[in-house]
């Protein structure tokens, strides 16, 4: 029995529609992807237009540069005058400005210059090690329990003082010492010689701390 023409067309359309729906996802055309928004450029800081230096400022800077001396040149002069040999930490860099300009600096003057710039010098193995003053406590500075006028004021030394109630003196004395200095108390027992203060600082400040300890211990 032959079907009518309209029925045949209807059935064929259903078959074609079904085959289209049955296609796998990978055969379907991919949807166009949206591009991410373009990154906005970072704002550029605009520096204000600074006024040019005045002639007086230029002249002051010129004089400062003329009277400044590099650390290496300064150490060469001290070495020639004293015979000392120096070993410089790579972090030690500075240019020294002085009025009048240093011509023949002494070793004591060198220690003062280093202290003012945050450095220190300690002689180890026949050479003077120049390091940041924060590291001086790790070096073998000499122990000086008696005053010695031959020691420069800005040389770092260690002193041990026997005094009662040493632990009570630490919070009193520590604010009077530099950040690079060290102060600690050792409490003795009844059979021992008593409490002790261990101090490390420049010799000038060690003398001052000794006078204070003696005054507070009376």
N, C-alpha and C. Protein backbone atom coordinates (compact mmCIF):
# COMPACT_ATOMS: atom_id res chain seq x y z
N UNK A 1 0.85 -1.20 0.00
CA UNK A 1 0.00 0.00 0.00
C UNK A 1 0.87 1.23 0.00
N UNK A 2 0.65 2.12 -0.92
CA UNK A 2 1.45 3.33 -1.02
C UNK A 2 0.82 4.44 -0.20
N UNK A 3 1.74 5.16 0.60
CA UNK A 3 1.25 6.26 1.43
C UNK A 3 1.05 7.49 0.59
N UNK A 4 0.18 8.34 1.06
CA UNK A 4 -0.01 9.59 0.32
C UNK A 4 1.27 10.42 0.33
N UNK A 5 1.42 11.27 -0.63
CA UNK A 5 2.63 12.08 -0.77
C UNK A 5 2.84 12.99 0.43
N UNK A 6 1.82 13.59 0.98
CA UNK A 6 1.95 14.50 2.14
C UNK A 6 2.46 13.77 3.36
N UNK A 7 1.99 12.52 3.54
CA UNK A 7 2.44 11.74 4.71
C UNK A 7 3.91 11.40 4.55
N UNK A 8 4.33 11.07 3.33
CA UNK A 8 5.74 10.72 3.09
C UNK A 8 6.65 11.91 3.39
N UNK A 9 6.25 13.08 2.98
CA UNK A 9 7.05 14.29 3.26
C UNK A 9 7.13 14.55 4.74
N UNK A 10 6.04 14.34 5.48
CA UNK A 10 6.02 14.58 6.92
C UNK A 10 6.96 13.64 7.65
N UNK A 11 6.93 12.38 7.26
CA UNK A 11 7.81 11.38 7.90
C UNK A 11 9.26 11.70 7.60
N UNK A 12 9.57 12.12 6.40
CA UNK A 12 10.96 12.44 6.04
C UNK A 12 11.49 13.63 6.83
N UNK A 13 10.62 14.62 7.07
CA UNK A 13 11.05 15.78 7.86
C UNK A 13 11.35 15.40 9.29
N UNK A 14 10.55 14.47 9.85
CA UNK A 14 10.79 14.00 11.23
C UNK A 14 12.12 13.28 11.30
N UNK A 15 12.42 12.45 10.31
CA UNK A 15 13.70 11.70 10.30
C UNK A 15 14.88 12.63 10.22
N UNK A 16 14.78 13.64 9.37
CA UNK A 16 15.88 14.59 9.24
C UNK A 16 16.09 15.39 10.52
N UNK A 17 14.98 15.77 11.16
CA UNK A 17 15.10 16.52 12.42
C UNK A 17 15.75 15.67 13.49
N UNK A 18 15.39 14.39 13.55
CA UNK A 18 15.98 13.51 14.55
C UNK A 18 17.45 13.30 14.34
N UNK A 19 17.88 13.16 13.08
CA UNK A 19 19.31 12.98 12.81
C UNK A 19 20.10 14.22 13.18
N UNK A 20 19.51 15.38 13.00
CA UNK A 20 20.19 16.62 13.38
C UNK A 20 20.38 16.71 14.88
N UNK A 21 19.34 16.34 15.64
CA UNK A 21 19.43 16.38 17.11
C UNK A 21 20.40 15.35 17.63
N UNK A 22 20.60 14.28 16.91
CA UNK A 22 21.46 13.19 17.39
C UNK A 22 22.92 13.43 17.12
N UNK A 23 23.30 14.54 16.46
CA UNK A 23 24.71 14.80 16.20
C UNK A 23 25.44 15.03 17.52
N UNK A 24 26.68 14.53 17.67
CA UNK A 24 27.44 14.74 18.91
C UNK A 24 27.81 16.20 19.08
N UNK A 25 28.12 16.51 20.35
CA UNK A 25 28.43 17.90 20.67
C UNK A 25 29.66 18.40 19.95
N UNK A 26 30.67 17.48 19.72
CA UNK A 26 31.90 17.94 19.11
C UNK A 26 31.72 18.36 17.67
N UNK A 27 30.63 17.88 17.02
CA UNK A 27 30.41 18.26 15.63
C UNK A 27 29.71 19.59 15.48
N UNK A 28 29.22 20.07 16.60
CA UNK A 28 28.50 21.35 16.52
C UNK A 28 29.51 22.50 16.50
N UNK A 29 29.23 23.54 15.78
CA UNK A 29 30.17 24.69 15.76
C UNK A 29 30.29 25.33 17.13
N UNK A 30 31.54 25.63 17.55
CA UNK A 30 31.77 26.22 18.87
C UNK A 30 31.28 27.66 18.89
N UNK A 31 30.75 28.01 20.05
CA UNK A 31 30.26 29.39 20.22
C UNK A 31 31.46 30.33 20.29
N UNK A 32 31.39 31.46 19.71
CA UNK A 32 32.52 32.41 19.76
C UNK A 32 32.81 32.85 21.19
N UNK A 33 34.12 32.80 21.59
CA UNK A 33 34.51 33.18 22.95
C UNK A 33 34.68 34.69 23.04
N UNK A 34 34.28 35.18 24.20
CA UNK A 34 34.41 36.62 24.43
C UNK A 34 35.83 36.93 24.88
N UNK A 35 36.42 37.97 24.33
CA UNK A 35 37.75 38.39 24.73
C UNK A 35 37.71 39.08 26.08
N UNK A 36 38.75 38.76 26.92
CA UNK A 36 38.78 39.45 28.23
C UNK A 36 39.03 40.94 28.03
N UNK A 37 38.50 41.73 28.91
CA UNK A 37 38.70 43.18 28.76
C UNK A 37 40.19 43.52 28.87
N UNK A 38 40.61 44.44 28.09
CA UNK A 38 42.02 44.86 28.09
C UNK A 38 42.37 45.49 29.42
N UNK A 39 43.59 45.15 29.92
CA UNK A 39 44.04 45.69 31.20
C UNK A 39 44.25 47.19 31.09
N UNK A 40 43.80 47.88 32.13
CA UNK A 40 43.96 49.32 32.13
C UNK A 40 45.39 49.68 32.53
N UNK A 41 46.05 50.56 31.84
CA UNK A 41 47.42 50.95 32.22
C UNK A 41 47.45 51.61 33.59
N UNK A 42 48.53 51.30 34.35
CA UNK A 42 48.68 51.87 35.68
C UNK A 42 48.86 53.37 35.58
N UNK A 43 48.30 54.09 36.53
CA UNK A 43 48.46 55.55 36.48
C UNK A 43 49.92 55.94 36.69
N UNK A 44 50.38 56.88 35.95
CA UNK A 44 51.75 57.36 36.04
C UNK A 44 51.80 58.54 36.99
N UNK A 45 52.70 58.39 38.01
CA UNK A 45 52.83 59.47 38.98
C UNK A 45 53.49 60.67 38.33
N UNK A 46 52.94 61.78 38.57
CA UNK A 46 53.47 63.03 38.02
C UNK A 46 54.22 63.75 39.13
N UNK A 47 55.53 63.89 38.96
CA UNK A 47 56.33 64.56 39.96
C UNK A 47 56.20 66.07 39.80
N UNK A 48 56.15 66.74 40.92
CA UNK A 48 56.05 68.20 40.81
C UNK A 48 57.35 68.79 40.28
N UNK A 49 57.24 69.86 39.61
CA UNK A 49 58.41 70.55 39.09
C UNK A 49 59.12 71.27 40.23
N UNK A 50 60.29 70.71 40.63
CA UNK A 50 61.04 71.31 41.72
C UNK A 50 61.81 72.52 41.22
N UNK A 51 61.90 73.53 42.04
CA UNK A 51 62.65 74.72 41.61
C UNK A 51 64.14 74.39 41.55
N UNK A 52 64.86 74.97 40.64
CA UNK A 52 66.30 74.73 40.56
C UNK A 52 67.00 75.23 41.81
N UNK A 53 68.14 74.59 42.20
CA UNK A 53 68.86 75.05 43.40
C UNK A 53 69.37 76.47 43.22
N UNK A 54 69.39 77.17 44.32
CA UNK A 54 69.88 78.55 44.28
C UNK A 54 71.39 78.56 44.16
N UNK A 55 71.96 79.67 43.73
CA UNK A 55 73.44 79.76 43.65
C UNK A 55 74.12 79.47 44.98
N UNK A 56 73.49 79.85 46.10
CA UNK A 56 74.09 79.58 47.41
C UNK A 56 74.11 78.09 47.70
N UNK A 57 73.05 77.38 47.32
CA UNK A 57 73.01 75.94 47.52
C UNK A 57 74.03 75.23 46.65
N UNK A 58 74.18 75.68 45.41
CA UNK A 58 75.17 75.09 44.52
C UNK A 58 76.57 75.29 45.07
N UNK A 59 76.85 76.49 45.57
CA UNK A 59 78.17 76.77 46.12
C UNK A 59 78.43 75.95 47.38
N UNK A 60 77.41 75.79 48.23
CA UNK A 60 77.58 74.99 49.44
C UNK A 60 77.85 73.53 49.11
N UNK A 61 77.15 73.01 48.08
CA UNK A 61 77.38 71.63 47.67
C UNK A 61 78.79 71.46 47.08
N UNK A 62 79.23 72.43 46.34
CA UNK A 62 80.58 72.37 45.75
C UNK A 62 81.64 72.34 46.84
N UNK A 63 81.49 73.20 47.84
CA UNK A 63 82.46 73.23 48.94
C UNK A 63 82.43 71.93 49.74
N UNK A 64 81.23 71.39 49.91
CA UNK A 64 81.12 70.13 50.66
C UNK A 64 81.86 69.00 49.92
N UNK A 65 81.69 68.95 48.60
CA UNK A 65 82.36 67.92 47.82
C UNK A 65 83.87 68.11 47.84
N UNK A 66 84.33 69.35 47.82
CA UNK A 66 85.76 69.61 47.85
C UNK A 66 86.38 69.21 49.19
N UNK A 67 85.63 69.36 50.27
CA UNK A 67 86.17 69.07 51.60
C UNK A 67 85.82 67.66 52.07
N UNK A 68 85.18 66.87 51.23
CA UNK A 68 84.87 65.49 51.59
C UNK A 68 85.98 64.57 51.13
N UNK A 69 86.16 63.47 51.86
CA UNK A 69 87.19 62.50 51.53
C UNK A 69 86.59 61.11 51.62
N UNK A 70 86.92 60.26 50.67
CA UNK A 70 86.41 58.89 50.67
C UNK A 70 87.08 58.09 51.78
N UNK A 71 86.35 57.06 52.27
CA UNK A 71 86.89 56.24 53.36
C UNK A 71 88.20 55.58 52.97
N UNK A 72 88.30 55.09 51.74
CA UNK A 72 89.54 54.44 51.31
C UNK A 72 90.73 55.38 51.38
N UNK A 73 90.53 56.61 50.96
CA UNK A 73 91.62 57.59 51.02
C UNK A 73 91.98 57.91 52.46
N UNK A 74 90.95 57.99 53.32
CA UNK A 74 91.19 58.27 54.73
C UNK A 74 91.97 57.14 55.39
N UNK A 75 91.62 55.89 55.09
CA UNK A 75 92.32 54.74 55.68
C UNK A 75 93.76 54.68 55.19
N UNK A 76 94.00 55.07 53.95
CA UNK A 76 95.37 55.10 53.44
C UNK A 76 96.23 56.07 54.24
N UNK A 77 95.69 57.23 54.56
CA UNK A 77 96.43 58.22 55.34
C UNK A 77 96.69 57.70 56.76
N UNK A 78 95.66 57.09 57.38
CA UNK A 78 95.84 56.57 58.74
C UNK A 78 96.85 55.43 58.74
N UNK A 79 96.80 54.58 57.72
CA UNK A 79 97.73 53.46 57.64
C UNK A 79 99.17 53.95 57.49
N UNK A 80 99.37 54.99 56.68
CA UNK A 80 100.71 55.53 56.50
C UNK A 80 101.23 56.16 57.79
N UNK A 81 100.32 56.75 58.58
CA UNK A 81 100.74 57.42 59.81
C UNK A 81 100.93 56.46 60.98
N UNK A 82 100.19 55.37 61.01
CA UNK A 82 100.22 54.47 62.17
C UNK A 82 100.80 53.10 61.87
N UNK A 83 100.86 52.71 60.60
CA UNK A 83 101.34 51.38 60.25
C UNK A 83 100.29 50.29 60.39
N UNK A 84 99.05 50.65 60.71
CA UNK A 84 97.97 49.67 60.88
C UNK A 84 97.47 49.20 59.51
N UNK A 85 97.00 47.95 59.49
CA UNK A 85 96.41 47.38 58.29
C UNK A 85 94.92 47.22 58.52
N UNK A 86 94.13 47.50 57.48
CA UNK A 86 92.68 47.54 57.62
C UNK A 86 92.02 46.49 56.72
N UNK A 87 90.94 45.95 57.22
CA UNK A 87 90.10 45.02 56.49
C UNK A 87 88.67 45.56 56.57
N UNK A 88 88.09 45.89 55.42
CA UNK A 88 86.83 46.65 55.40
C UNK A 88 85.68 45.75 55.00
N UNK A 89 84.63 45.77 55.78
CA UNK A 89 83.40 45.05 55.45
C UNK A 89 82.80 45.69 54.19
N UNK A 90 82.29 44.88 53.23
CA UNK A 90 81.74 45.46 51.99
C UNK A 90 80.56 46.38 52.23
N UNK A 91 79.92 46.29 53.38
CA UNK A 91 78.78 47.17 53.66
C UNK A 91 79.21 48.55 54.14
N UNK A 92 80.49 48.73 54.42
CA UNK A 92 81.00 49.99 54.93
C UNK A 92 81.35 50.90 53.76
N UNK A 93 80.52 51.88 53.54
CA UNK A 93 80.76 52.87 52.48
C UNK A 93 80.37 54.24 53.02
N UNK A 94 81.25 55.20 52.83
CA UNK A 94 80.92 56.53 53.32
C UNK A 94 81.92 57.54 52.75
N UNK A 95 81.49 58.77 52.77
CA UNK A 95 82.33 59.89 52.40
C UNK A 95 82.33 60.84 53.58
N UNK A 96 83.52 61.20 54.05
CA UNK A 96 83.66 61.97 55.30
C UNK A 96 83.77 63.44 54.96
N UNK A 97 82.92 64.22 55.61
CA UNK A 97 82.94 65.67 55.43
C UNK A 97 83.44 66.30 56.72
N UNK A 98 84.46 67.11 56.63
CA UNK A 98 85.04 67.74 57.82
C UNK A 98 85.51 69.15 57.48
N UNK A 99 85.47 70.02 58.48
CA UNK A 99 85.97 71.39 58.33
C UNK A 99 86.96 71.64 59.46
N UNK A 100 88.23 71.86 59.19
CA UNK A 100 88.87 71.77 57.87
C UNK A 100 89.02 70.31 57.42
N UNK A 101 89.41 70.13 56.17
CA UNK A 101 89.55 68.80 55.62
C UNK A 101 90.67 68.04 56.31
N UNK A 102 90.46 66.71 56.52
CA UNK A 102 91.46 65.89 57.18
C UNK A 102 92.71 65.79 56.31
N UNK A 103 93.86 66.07 56.92
CA UNK A 103 95.13 65.93 56.21
C UNK A 103 95.92 64.75 56.76
N UNK A 104 96.14 64.73 58.08
CA UNK A 104 96.86 63.62 58.72
C UNK A 104 96.04 63.13 59.92
N UNK A 105 94.94 62.39 59.68
CA UNK A 105 94.09 61.94 60.78
C UNK A 105 94.80 60.89 61.63
N UNK A 106 94.53 60.93 62.92
CA UNK A 106 95.05 59.94 63.85
C UNK A 106 94.10 58.75 63.91
N UNK A 107 94.54 57.68 64.56
CA UNK A 107 93.68 56.50 64.71
C UNK A 107 92.48 56.83 65.59
N UNK A 108 92.69 57.64 66.62
CA UNK A 108 91.57 58.05 67.49
C UNK A 108 90.53 58.84 66.71
N UNK A 109 90.99 59.73 65.81
CA UNK A 109 90.05 60.48 64.98
C UNK A 109 89.30 59.56 64.03
N UNK A 110 89.98 58.54 63.52
CA UNK A 110 89.31 57.58 62.65
C UNK A 110 88.19 56.87 63.40
N UNK A 111 88.43 56.46 64.64
CA UNK A 111 87.39 55.79 65.42
C UNK A 111 86.20 56.70 65.66
N UNK A 112 86.46 57.97 65.88
CA UNK A 112 85.36 58.93 66.07
C UNK A 112 84.55 59.08 64.79
N UNK A 113 85.23 59.17 63.66
CA UNK A 113 84.53 59.29 62.37
C UNK A 113 83.67 58.05 62.12
N UNK A 114 84.21 56.88 62.37
CA UNK A 114 83.46 55.65 62.16
C UNK A 114 82.23 55.60 63.07
N UNK A 115 82.38 55.99 64.32
CA UNK A 115 81.24 55.98 65.25
C UNK A 115 80.13 56.90 64.76
N UNK A 116 80.50 58.08 64.27
CA UNK A 116 79.49 59.04 63.81
C UNK A 116 78.74 58.52 62.59
N UNK A 117 79.35 57.63 61.81
CA UNK A 117 78.70 57.08 60.63
C UNK A 117 78.09 55.70 60.87
N UNK A 118 78.10 55.23 62.12
CA UNK A 118 77.47 53.95 62.44
C UNK A 118 78.36 52.74 62.20
N UNK A 119 79.69 52.93 62.26
CA UNK A 119 80.64 51.83 62.06
C UNK A 119 81.56 51.72 63.26
N UNK A 120 82.30 50.63 63.30
CA UNK A 120 83.23 50.39 64.41
C UNK A 120 84.46 49.68 63.88
N UNK A 121 85.56 49.75 64.64
CA UNK A 121 86.82 49.11 64.27
C UNK A 121 87.30 48.25 65.42
N UNK A 122 87.66 47.00 65.09
CA UNK A 122 88.18 46.07 66.09
C UNK A 122 89.38 45.36 65.48
N UNK A 123 90.48 45.35 66.20
CA UNK A 123 91.69 44.71 65.70
C UNK A 123 91.63 43.21 65.96
N UNK A 124 91.72 42.43 64.90
CA UNK A 124 91.67 40.97 64.97
C UNK A 124 92.78 40.41 64.09
N UNK A 125 93.66 39.62 64.68
CA UNK A 125 94.72 38.98 63.89
C UNK A 125 95.65 39.94 63.20
N UNK A 126 95.96 41.06 63.84
CA UNK A 126 96.89 42.02 63.26
C UNK A 126 96.28 42.97 62.25
N UNK A 127 94.99 42.85 61.97
CA UNK A 127 94.30 43.76 61.05
C UNK A 127 93.09 44.38 61.75
N UNK A 128 92.87 45.63 61.45
CA UNK A 128 91.73 46.34 62.03
C UNK A 128 90.52 46.08 61.14
N UNK A 129 89.54 45.37 61.70
CA UNK A 129 88.30 45.06 60.97
C UNK A 129 87.31 46.22 61.14
N UNK A 130 86.86 46.79 60.03
CA UNK A 130 85.88 47.87 60.06
C UNK A 130 84.54 47.28 59.63
N UNK A 131 83.57 47.32 60.55
CA UNK A 131 82.27 46.68 60.35
C UNK A 131 81.16 47.62 60.79
N UNK A 132 79.91 47.35 60.39
CA UNK A 132 78.79 48.09 60.98
C UNK A 132 78.77 47.88 62.49
N UNK A 133 78.47 48.93 63.24
CA UNK A 133 78.56 48.84 64.70
C UNK A 133 77.60 47.81 65.29
N UNK A 134 76.57 47.42 64.54
CA UNK A 134 75.66 46.38 65.04
C UNK A 134 76.35 45.03 65.16
N UNK A 135 77.47 44.84 64.47
CA UNK A 135 78.19 43.56 64.50
C UNK A 135 79.37 43.58 65.46
N UNK A 136 79.63 44.70 66.12
CA UNK A 136 80.84 44.79 66.94
C UNK A 136 80.76 43.87 68.15
N UNK A 137 79.57 43.59 68.64
CA UNK A 137 79.44 42.74 69.82
C UNK A 137 79.86 41.30 69.55
N UNK A 138 79.93 40.92 68.27
CA UNK A 138 80.34 39.55 67.92
C UNK A 138 81.85 39.43 67.72
N UNK A 139 82.56 40.54 67.82
CA UNK A 139 84.01 40.52 67.62
C UNK A 139 84.72 40.56 68.97
N UNK A 140 85.96 40.08 69.01
CA UNK A 140 86.68 39.99 70.30
C UNK A 140 87.27 41.33 70.73
N UNK A 141 86.39 42.26 71.13
CA UNK A 141 86.92 43.53 71.67
C UNK A 141 87.62 43.23 73.00
N UNK A 142 88.61 44.03 73.32
CA UNK A 142 89.40 43.71 74.52
C UNK A 142 88.63 44.02 75.80
N UNK A 143 88.94 43.24 76.84
CA UNK A 143 88.35 43.44 78.16
C UNK A 143 89.22 44.42 78.92
N UNK A 144 88.61 45.48 79.39
CA UNK A 144 89.34 46.55 80.06
C UNK A 144 88.63 46.86 81.38
N UNK A 145 89.08 46.23 82.47
CA UNK A 145 88.45 46.43 83.77
C UNK A 145 89.09 47.56 84.56
N UNK A 146 90.20 48.10 84.06
CA UNK A 146 90.84 49.25 84.69
C UNK A 146 91.03 50.34 83.65
N UNK A 147 90.94 51.58 84.11
CA UNK A 147 91.08 52.70 83.19
C UNK A 147 92.50 52.76 82.62
N UNK A 148 92.56 53.14 81.35
CA UNK A 148 93.84 53.24 80.64
C UNK A 148 93.75 54.44 79.71
N UNK A 149 94.53 55.48 80.01
CA UNK A 149 94.47 56.71 79.24
C UNK A 149 94.96 56.55 77.80
N UNK A 150 95.64 55.45 77.50
CA UNK A 150 96.13 55.24 76.14
C UNK A 150 95.06 54.70 75.21
N UNK A 151 93.91 54.30 75.76
CA UNK A 151 92.83 53.75 74.94
C UNK A 151 91.99 54.89 74.37
N UNK A 152 91.76 54.93 73.06
CA UNK A 152 90.92 55.99 72.48
C UNK A 152 89.49 55.94 73.03
N UNK A 153 88.88 57.11 73.16
CA UNK A 153 87.53 57.19 73.73
C UNK A 153 86.51 56.41 72.91
N UNK A 154 86.68 56.34 71.59
CA UNK A 154 85.68 55.70 70.73
C UNK A 154 86.02 54.27 70.37
N UNK A 155 86.98 53.67 71.06
CA UNK A 155 87.24 52.24 70.86
C UNK A 155 86.26 51.43 71.70
N UNK A 156 85.70 50.38 71.11
CA UNK A 156 84.77 49.52 71.84
C UNK A 156 85.54 48.58 72.75
N UNK A 157 85.14 48.53 74.02
CA UNK A 157 85.77 47.66 75.01
C UNK A 157 84.68 46.99 75.84
N UNK A 158 85.09 45.98 76.60
CA UNK A 158 84.18 45.27 77.51
C UNK A 158 84.68 45.44 78.93
N UNK A 159 83.74 45.59 79.87
CA UNK A 159 84.11 45.72 81.28
C UNK A 159 83.11 44.92 82.13
N UNK A 160 83.65 44.27 83.16
CA UNK A 160 82.83 43.52 84.11
C UNK A 160 82.94 44.21 85.47
N UNK A 161 81.81 44.56 86.07
CA UNK A 161 81.77 45.28 87.35
C UNK A 161 81.00 44.43 88.35
N UNK A 162 81.58 44.24 89.52
CA UNK A 162 80.90 43.56 90.62
C UNK A 162 80.14 44.59 91.44
N UNK A 163 78.84 44.39 91.59
CA UNK A 163 78.01 45.36 92.28
C UNK A 163 76.75 44.66 92.80
N UNK A 164 76.22 45.06 93.93
CA UNK A 164 74.97 44.46 94.41
C UNK A 164 73.79 44.91 93.55
N UNK A 165 72.80 44.03 93.45
CA UNK A 165 71.57 44.34 92.71
C UNK A 165 71.85 44.73 91.26
N UNK A 166 72.72 43.96 90.61
CA UNK A 166 73.07 44.29 89.23
C UNK A 166 71.86 44.22 88.31
N UNK A 167 70.96 43.26 88.56
CA UNK A 167 69.78 43.13 87.68
C UNK A 167 68.88 44.35 87.76
N UNK A 168 68.90 45.08 88.89
CA UNK A 168 68.08 46.28 89.00
C UNK A 168 68.70 47.46 88.26
N UNK A 169 69.99 47.40 88.01
CA UNK A 169 70.65 48.51 87.32
C UNK A 169 70.51 48.44 85.80
N UNK A 170 70.22 47.25 85.27
CA UNK A 170 70.15 47.10 83.82
C UNK A 170 69.11 48.03 83.19
N UNK A 171 67.85 48.06 83.67
CA UNK A 171 66.88 48.96 83.02
C UNK A 171 67.19 50.44 83.25
N UNK A 172 68.02 50.75 84.24
CA UNK A 172 68.39 52.15 84.49
C UNK A 172 69.50 52.59 83.54
N UNK A 173 70.47 51.70 83.29
CA UNK A 173 71.64 52.08 82.51
C UNK A 173 71.47 51.87 81.01
N UNK A 174 70.66 50.89 80.62
CA UNK A 174 70.59 50.54 79.19
C UNK A 174 70.15 51.71 78.30
N UNK A 175 69.19 52.56 78.71
CA UNK A 175 68.83 53.68 77.83
C UNK A 175 69.95 54.70 77.64
N UNK A 176 70.98 54.66 78.49
CA UNK A 176 72.09 55.60 78.37
C UNK A 176 73.21 55.07 77.47
N UNK A 177 73.02 53.91 76.88
CA UNK A 177 74.03 53.30 76.03
C UNK A 177 73.53 53.26 74.59
N UNK A 178 74.46 53.14 73.66
CA UNK A 178 74.09 53.13 72.25
C UNK A 178 73.40 51.82 71.89
N UNK A 179 72.76 51.81 70.72
CA UNK A 179 72.10 50.58 70.26
C UNK A 179 73.09 49.46 70.01
N UNK A 180 74.31 49.81 69.62
CA UNK A 180 75.32 48.78 69.36
C UNK A 180 75.91 48.22 70.65
N UNK A 181 75.69 48.89 71.77
CA UNK A 181 76.27 48.45 73.04
C UNK A 181 75.55 47.22 73.58
N UNK A 182 76.16 46.61 74.60
CA UNK A 182 75.58 45.43 75.24
C UNK A 182 75.68 45.60 76.75
N UNK A 183 74.60 45.20 77.43
CA UNK A 183 74.56 45.28 78.89
C UNK A 183 73.76 44.10 79.41
N UNK A 184 74.35 43.35 80.36
CA UNK A 184 73.68 42.19 80.94
C UNK A 184 74.09 42.06 82.40
N UNK A 185 73.25 41.42 83.19
CA UNK A 185 73.51 41.21 84.61
C UNK A 185 73.61 39.72 84.90
N UNK A 186 74.54 39.36 85.77
CA UNK A 186 74.66 37.99 86.23
C UNK A 186 74.50 38.00 87.75
N UNK A 187 73.47 37.34 88.24
CA UNK A 187 73.16 37.33 89.66
C UNK A 187 73.91 36.19 90.33
N UNK A 188 74.71 36.52 91.36
CA UNK A 188 75.47 35.51 92.07
C UNK A 188 74.68 34.94 93.23
N UNK A 189 75.20 33.87 93.82
CA UNK A 189 74.56 33.28 94.99
C UNK A 189 75.26 33.76 96.26
N UNK A 190 74.82 33.23 97.39
CA UNK A 190 75.37 33.69 98.66
C UNK A 190 76.84 33.35 98.81
N UNK A 191 77.29 32.24 98.19
CA UNK A 191 78.68 31.83 98.32
C UNK A 191 79.59 32.50 97.30
N UNK A 192 78.99 33.18 96.33
CA UNK A 192 79.77 33.78 95.26
C UNK A 192 80.21 35.20 95.61
N UNK A 193 80.95 35.82 94.69
CA UNK A 193 81.45 37.18 94.95
C UNK A 193 80.40 38.27 94.81
N UNK A 194 79.20 37.95 94.36
CA UNK A 194 78.16 38.96 94.22
C UNK A 194 77.70 39.09 92.78
N UNK A 195 76.76 40.02 92.57
CA UNK A 195 76.24 40.24 91.23
C UNK A 195 77.28 40.94 90.35
N UNK A 196 77.15 40.73 89.04
CA UNK A 196 78.09 41.33 88.10
C UNK A 196 77.34 41.95 86.94
N UNK A 197 77.87 43.06 86.47
CA UNK A 197 77.38 43.71 85.26
C UNK A 197 78.40 43.51 84.15
N UNK A 198 77.93 43.08 82.98
CA UNK A 198 78.79 42.94 81.81
C UNK A 198 78.40 44.04 80.83
N UNK A 199 79.34 44.92 80.52
CA UNK A 199 79.06 46.06 79.65
C UNK A 199 80.02 46.06 78.47
N UNK A 200 79.52 46.39 77.30
CA UNK A 200 80.34 46.59 76.12
C UNK A 200 79.86 47.85 75.39
N UNK A 201 80.75 48.80 75.25
CA UNK A 201 80.41 50.07 74.61
C UNK A 201 81.72 50.79 74.30
N UNK A 202 81.62 52.01 73.81
CA UNK A 202 82.84 52.78 73.62
C UNK A 202 83.48 53.05 74.97
N UNK A 203 84.79 53.21 74.96
CA UNK A 203 85.52 53.36 76.22
C UNK A 203 85.04 54.58 77.00
N UNK A 204 84.73 55.68 76.29
CA UNK A 204 84.25 56.88 76.97
C UNK A 204 82.94 56.60 77.70
N UNK A 205 82.04 55.86 77.08
CA UNK A 205 80.76 55.57 77.73
C UNK A 205 80.91 54.51 78.82
N UNK A 206 81.86 53.60 78.66
CA UNK A 206 82.11 52.62 79.71
C UNK A 206 82.57 53.32 80.99
N UNK A 207 83.42 54.31 80.87
CA UNK A 207 83.86 55.06 82.05
C UNK A 207 82.67 55.77 82.70
N UNK A 208 81.81 56.33 81.88
CA UNK A 208 80.63 57.01 82.44
C UNK A 208 79.72 56.03 83.14
N UNK A 209 79.49 54.85 82.55
CA UNK A 209 78.64 53.84 83.18
C UNK A 209 79.26 53.35 84.49
N UNK A 210 80.59 53.25 84.54
CA UNK A 210 81.26 52.82 85.77
C UNK A 210 81.04 53.83 86.88
N UNK A 211 81.13 55.10 86.56
CA UNK A 211 80.88 56.13 87.58
C UNK A 211 79.44 56.06 88.07
N UNK A 212 78.50 55.86 87.15
CA UNK A 212 77.10 55.76 87.56
C UNK A 212 76.86 54.55 88.46
N UNK A 213 77.45 53.42 88.10
CA UNK A 213 77.27 52.20 88.92
C UNK A 213 77.84 52.42 90.31
N UNK A 214 79.01 53.03 90.39
CA UNK A 214 79.61 53.29 91.70
C UNK A 214 78.75 54.24 92.52
N UNK A 215 78.15 55.23 91.86
CA UNK A 215 77.30 56.18 92.59
C UNK A 215 76.02 55.54 93.06
N UNK A 216 75.42 54.67 92.24
CA UNK A 216 74.16 54.04 92.61
C UNK A 216 74.33 52.89 93.59
N UNK A 217 75.55 52.39 93.73
CA UNK A 217 75.79 51.25 94.62
C UNK A 217 76.22 51.67 96.01
N UNK A 218 76.36 52.95 96.23
CA UNK A 218 76.78 53.41 97.57
C UNK A 218 75.65 53.30 98.58
